[in-house]
Amino acid sequence: MAAWMMQEPNVVATVGEFFDAGGVLMWPILGSSVVVVGLALERYLSLRRARVLPRVVVDAVEQVREGRADVIAAGILEAKAPGARVLAAGLRRRGRRLADVEKAMEDQMIKEQARLRGNIRGITLCAAIAPLLGLLGTVLGIADAFAAVEQTGLGNSDSSEALAAGIKSALYTTIFGLGVAIPATLVSAHLHARVRRLVLTVSDAVTPAVDRLAPAGTAGGAAAVAGGGAPAAPADVGDGGEGDGGDGDDEGQNAA
């Protein structure tokens, strides 16, 4: 333990020298890393199933399926969870055609998906900017190194060593930029995958309530209930039913 504490100042000094040698552009890269950490923590705390689809929403869907939508309507309409807002969009269209209910819930789902991905865009942006800042720092550092050598010339070994040292220091910003960009890219990809899973979870949870929110007496609602609630079924089944009825009328007129 004592030996480790004695070595710790050397490690700090090495990191400090690395940071100082990189130049002024190390600071914005460091700022990007801080932003990435903050946004990632915020998203990981927000993208939890308990916050996106709380138990109260699952219970509300069961109440809707059992025909007791009035019991939970007030609470769901005031809820703030993404899953609750999707269900609330359907409750606001309760009693209308199935297509209207589905459209309202789909539109709300798109909005919630955009909200869930909101701060992930910031992480992706920092992942793209950090290596560019590092490359800019490297280019500027190399330019400074060549400018210094131009003043002294390459006729002696000291100039060659100075040029090599300048290029080495200039590469520090690229190393630091890539060190920020690679983890940020991985975190962004993982968060996007988590959003997709949560959206599918919410969709699967609220879909059983769709058919119960549309009245069975409407053409869309009746067709949806008869067809098992498949999203594409209402228009096809309804159109087919009207076509069959039209043929029957034509046959009846011909027979007459």
Protein backbone atom coordinates (compact mmCIF):
# COMPACT_ATOMS: atom_id res chain seq x y z
CA MET A 1 0.00 0.00 0.00
CA ALA A 2 2.83 2.38 0.89
CA ALA A 3 4.65 1.57 -2.32
CA TRP A 4 1.50 2.30 -4.33
CA MET A 5 1.07 5.68 -2.62
CA MET A 6 4.67 6.54 -3.39
CA GLN A 7 4.13 5.73 -7.05
CA GLU A 8 0.86 7.66 -7.31
CA PRO A 9 2.45 11.14 -7.73
CA ASN A 10 4.47 9.83 -10.68
CA VAL A 11 1.29 8.58 -12.35
CA VAL A 12 -0.43 11.92 -11.80
CA ALA A 13 2.61 13.77 -13.11
CA THR A 14 2.64 11.58 -16.22
CA VAL A 15 -1.05 12.27 -16.89
CA GLY A 16 -0.50 15.95 -16.27
CA GLU A 17 2.45 16.07 -18.64
CA PHE A 18 0.43 14.21 -21.25
CA PHE A 19 -2.38 16.74 -20.90
CA ASP A 20 -0.08 19.77 -20.96
CA ALA A 21 1.84 18.51 -23.98
CA GLY A 22 -1.37 18.12 -25.96
CA GLY A 23 -2.04 21.83 -25.95
CA VAL A 24 -5.14 23.95 -25.58
CA LEU A 25 -7.41 21.62 -27.59
CA MET A 26 -7.14 19.02 -24.85
CA TRP A 27 -9.61 21.12 -22.85
CA PRO A 28 -12.57 20.92 -25.26
CA ILE A 29 -11.93 17.19 -25.65
CA LEU A 30 -12.00 16.87 -21.87
CA GLY A 31 -15.24 18.86 -21.85
CA SER A 32 -16.71 16.45 -24.40
CA SER A 33 -15.84 13.52 -22.17
CA VAL A 34 -17.57 15.17 -19.20
CA VAL A 35 -20.68 15.79 -21.32
CA VAL A 36 -20.69 12.16 -22.47
CA VAL A 37 -20.49 10.87 -18.90
CA GLY A 38 -23.27 13.18 -17.72
CA LEU A 39 -25.63 12.37 -20.58
CA ALA A 40 -24.93 8.64 -20.33
CA LEU A 41 -25.73 8.58 -16.61
CA GLU A 42 -28.93 10.53 -17.19
CA ARG A 43 -30.08 8.18 -19.96
CA TYR A 44 -29.23 5.01 -18.06
CA LEU A 45 -31.26 6.27 -15.11
CA SER A 46 -34.19 7.22 -17.36
CA LEU A 47 -34.20 4.18 -19.65
CA ARG A 48 -35.37 1.72 -17.03
CA ARG A 49 -38.45 -0.40 -17.48
CA ALA A 50 -39.89 0.77 -14.17
CA ARG A 51 -39.82 4.38 -15.37
CA VAL A 52 -40.87 3.80 -18.99
CA LEU A 53 -43.57 1.21 -18.30
CA PRO A 54 -44.51 1.28 -14.62
CA ARG A 55 -46.74 -1.37 -13.10
CA VAL A 56 -49.67 1.03 -12.97
CA VAL A 57 -49.76 1.13 -16.79
CA VAL A 58 -49.81 -2.66 -17.05
CA ASP A 59 -52.67 -2.77 -14.52
CA ALA A 60 -54.49 -0.04 -16.46
CA VAL A 61 -54.30 -2.08 -19.66
CA GLU A 62 -55.89 -5.00 -17.82
CA GLN A 63 -58.66 -2.72 -16.60
CA VAL A 64 -59.28 -1.55 -20.17
CA ARG A 65 -59.41 -5.12 -21.44
CA GLU A 66 -62.01 -5.90 -18.80
CA GLY A 67 -64.14 -2.96 -19.90
CA ARG A 68 -63.39 -0.68 -16.95
CA ALA A 69 -61.59 2.12 -18.77
CA ASP A 70 -63.53 4.76 -16.84
CA VAL A 71 -61.93 3.60 -13.60
CA ILE A 72 -58.36 4.35 -14.69
CA ALA A 73 -58.88 7.09 -17.29
CA ALA A 74 -58.27 10.06 -14.97
CA GLY A 75 -55.08 8.65 -13.46
CA ILE A 76 -53.57 7.58 -16.77
CA LEU A 77 -54.30 10.90 -18.47
CA GLU A 78 -52.26 12.66 -15.76
CA ALA A 79 -49.38 10.15 -15.65
CA LYS A 80 -45.94 11.14 -16.92
CA ALA A 81 -44.44 7.78 -17.89
CA PRO A 82 -43.97 7.16 -21.65
CA GLY A 83 -46.11 4.02 -21.54
CA ALA A 84 -48.87 5.91 -19.74
CA ARG A 85 -48.84 8.68 -22.34
CA VAL A 86 -49.21 6.15 -25.15
CA LEU A 87 -52.19 4.55 -23.43
CA ALA A 88 -53.63 7.99 -22.65
CA ALA A 89 -53.52 8.87 -26.35
CA GLY A 90 -55.77 5.90 -27.02
CA LEU A 91 -58.08 6.77 -24.15
CA ARG A 92 -58.61 10.25 -25.60
CA ARG A 93 -59.85 8.61 -28.81
CA ARG A 94 -62.03 6.13 -26.97
CA GLY A 95 -65.30 5.45 -28.79
CA ARG A 96 -63.94 6.35 -32.21
CA ARG A 97 -63.00 4.06 -35.07
CA LEU A 98 -60.24 1.55 -34.50
CA ALA A 99 -58.06 3.24 -37.11
CA ASP A 100 -58.30 6.53 -35.20
CA VAL A 101 -57.32 4.88 -31.91
CA GLU A 102 -54.41 3.07 -33.51
CA LYS A 103 -53.18 6.21 -35.27
CA ALA A 104 -53.28 8.25 -32.06
CA MET A 105 -51.31 5.64 -30.14
CA GLU A 106 -48.79 5.16 -32.96
CA ASP A 107 -48.19 8.91 -33.20
CA GLN A 108 -47.67 9.14 -29.47
CA MET A 109 -45.31 6.17 -29.58
CA ILE A 110 -43.19 7.98 -32.18
CA LYS A 111 -43.05 11.05 -29.95
CA GLU A 112 -42.06 8.99 -26.93
CA GLN A 113 -39.35 7.22 -28.91
CA ALA A 114 -37.92 10.59 -29.92
CA ARG A 115 -37.96 11.71 -26.27
CA LEU A 116 -36.21 8.55 -25.14
CA ARG A 117 -33.49 9.11 -27.71
CA GLY A 118 -33.16 12.82 -26.96
CA ASN A 119 -29.90 12.99 -25.00
CA ILE A 120 -28.37 10.07 -26.89
CA ARG A 121 -27.89 12.46 -29.81
CA GLY A 122 -25.62 14.55 -27.60
CA ILE A 123 -23.47 11.50 -26.88
CA THR A 124 -23.27 10.69 -30.59
CA LEU A 125 -22.32 14.30 -31.36
CA CYS A 126 -19.51 14.29 -28.79
CA ALA A 127 -18.28 10.97 -30.18
CA ALA A 128 -18.01 12.60 -33.61
CA ILE A 129 -16.47 15.88 -32.43
CA ALA A 130 -13.80 14.51 -30.07
CA PRO A 131 -11.60 12.81 -32.70
CA LEU A 132 -11.96 15.83 -35.01
CA LEU A 133 -10.72 18.10 -32.25
CA GLY A 134 -7.87 15.68 -31.64
CA LEU A 135 -6.97 15.67 -35.32
CA LEU A 136 -7.07 19.46 -35.41
CA GLY A 137 -4.74 19.62 -32.41
CA THR A 138 -2.36 17.18 -34.09
CA VAL A 139 -2.27 19.16 -37.32
CA LEU A 140 -1.63 22.40 -35.47
CA GLY A 141 1.06 20.77 -33.36
CA ILE A 142 2.84 19.33 -36.40
CA ALA A 143 2.67 22.72 -38.09
CA ASP A 144 4.27 24.33 -35.04
CA ALA A 145 7.00 21.67 -34.96
CA PHE A 146 7.89 22.23 -38.59
CA ALA A 147 7.82 25.99 -38.10
CA ALA A 148 10.32 25.65 -35.22
CA VAL A 149 12.61 23.44 -37.28
CA GLU A 150 12.37 25.87 -40.16
CA GLN A 151 13.93 28.53 -37.95
CA THR A 152 16.85 26.35 -36.87
CA GLY A 153 17.24 24.07 -39.90
CA LEU A 154 17.75 20.30 -40.06
CA GLY A 155 21.51 20.39 -40.15
CA ASN A 156 22.04 19.05 -36.61
CA SER A 157 20.66 16.21 -34.53
CA ASP A 158 19.02 18.55 -32.05
CA SER A 159 16.67 19.83 -34.76
CA SER A 160 15.68 16.30 -35.74
CA GLU A 161 15.02 15.41 -32.12
CA ALA A 162 13.00 18.57 -31.64
CA LEU A 163 10.90 17.75 -34.71
CA ALA A 164 10.26 14.21 -33.48
CA ALA A 165 9.35 15.49 -30.02
CA GLY A 166 6.99 18.06 -31.51
CA ILE A 167 5.20 15.48 -33.64
CA LYS A 168 4.97 13.14 -30.66
CA SER A 169 3.35 15.83 -28.52
CA ALA A 170 1.01 16.78 -31.36
CA LEU A 171 -0.31 13.21 -31.52
CA TYR A 172 -1.47 13.38 -27.91
CA THR A 173 -4.63 15.23 -28.87
CA THR A 174 -5.57 12.55 -31.41
CA ILE A 175 -4.97 9.83 -28.82
CA PHE A 176 -7.12 11.66 -26.29
CA GLY A 177 -9.86 12.36 -28.86
CA LEU A 178 -10.05 8.72 -29.86
CA GLY A 179 -10.01 7.71 -26.21
CA VAL A 180 -13.19 9.74 -25.73
CA ALA A 181 -14.87 8.88 -29.05
CA ILE A 182 -14.60 5.08 -28.89
CA PRO A 183 -16.33 4.59 -25.50
CA ALA A 184 -18.89 7.26 -26.39
CA THR A 185 -19.77 5.43 -29.60
CA LEU A 186 -20.20 2.15 -27.74
CA VAL A 187 -22.38 3.81 -25.09
CA SER A 188 -24.51 5.47 -27.77
CA ALA A 189 -25.05 2.16 -29.58
CA HIS A 190 -26.01 0.42 -26.34
CA LEU A 191 -28.49 3.16 -25.41
CA HIS A 192 -30.09 3.06 -28.87
CA ALA A 193 -30.53 -0.71 -28.49
CA ARG A 194 -32.09 -0.19 -25.07
CA VAL A 195 -34.53 2.35 -26.49
CA ARG A 196 -35.60 -0.10 -29.20
CA ARG A 197 -36.22 -2.82 -26.61
CA LEU A 198 -38.24 -0.50 -24.40
CA VAL A 199 -40.35 0.72 -27.32
CA LEU A 200 -41.16 -2.86 -28.26
CA THR A 201 -42.00 -3.62 -24.63
CA VAL A 202 -44.39 -0.66 -24.42
CA SER A 203 -45.98 -1.59 -27.74
CA ASP A 204 -46.56 -5.18 -26.66
CA ALA A 205 -47.99 -4.02 -23.32
CA VAL A 206 -50.55 -1.50 -24.65
CA THR A 207 -51.62 -3.31 -27.85
CA PRO A 208 -54.21 -5.52 -26.08
CA ALA A 209 -56.10 -2.37 -25.05
CA VAL A 210 -56.54 -1.06 -28.60
CA ASP A 211 -59.53 -3.21 -29.55
CA ARG A 212 -61.38 -2.43 -26.33
CA LEU A 213 -61.05 1.33 -26.86
CA ALA A 214 -62.85 1.21 -30.22
CA PRO A 215 -66.58 0.45 -30.09
CA ALA A 216 -67.50 -2.96 -31.43
CA GLY A 217 -70.42 -1.45 -33.33
CA THR A 218 -68.16 0.45 -35.73
CA ALA A 219 -66.95 -1.27 -38.85
CA GLY A 220 -63.32 -0.95 -37.88
CA GLY A 221 -63.86 -2.04 -34.28
CA ALA A 222 -66.01 -5.03 -35.21
CA ALA A 223 -63.57 -6.16 -37.84
CA ALA A 224 -60.66 -5.75 -35.48
CA VAL A 225 -62.30 -7.76 -32.74
CA ALA A 226 -63.29 -10.48 -35.18
CA GLY A 227 -59.87 -10.49 -36.76
CA GLY A 228 -57.99 -10.77 -33.50
CA GLY A 229 -56.95 -7.11 -33.36
CA ALA A 230 -54.32 -7.23 -36.11
CA PRO A 231 -53.39 -3.67 -37.15
CA ALA A 232 -53.71 -4.31 -40.89
CA ALA A 233 -56.87 -6.35 -40.60
CA PRO A 234 -59.54 -3.64 -40.16
CA ALA A 235 -59.29 -2.05 -43.61
CA ASP A 236 -58.93 -5.35 -45.45
CA VAL A 237 -61.73 -7.11 -43.62
CA GLY A 238 -64.02 -4.09 -43.76
CA ASP A 239 -63.43 -3.53 -47.47
CA GLY A 240 -63.99 -7.21 -48.15
CA GLY A 241 -67.25 -7.18 -46.19
CA GLU A 242 -68.52 -4.20 -48.14
CA GLY A 243 -67.53 -5.85 -51.42
CA ASP A 244 -69.37 -9.01 -50.54
CA GLY A 245 -72.43 -7.05 -49.56
CA GLY A 246 -72.28 -5.12 -52.84
CA ASP A 247 -72.15 -8.35 -54.85
CA GLY A 248 -75.14 -9.71 -52.93
CA ASP A 249 -77.14 -6.57 -53.73
CA ASP A 250 -76.27 -6.82 -57.40
CA GLU A 251 -77.31 -10.46 -57.50
CA GLY A 252 -80.57 -9.61 -55.75
CA GLN A 253 -81.31 -6.84 -58.31
CA ASN A 254 -80.50 -9.19 -61.21
CA ALA A 255 -82.76 -11.86 -59.76
CA ALA A 256 -85.53 -9.27 -59.42
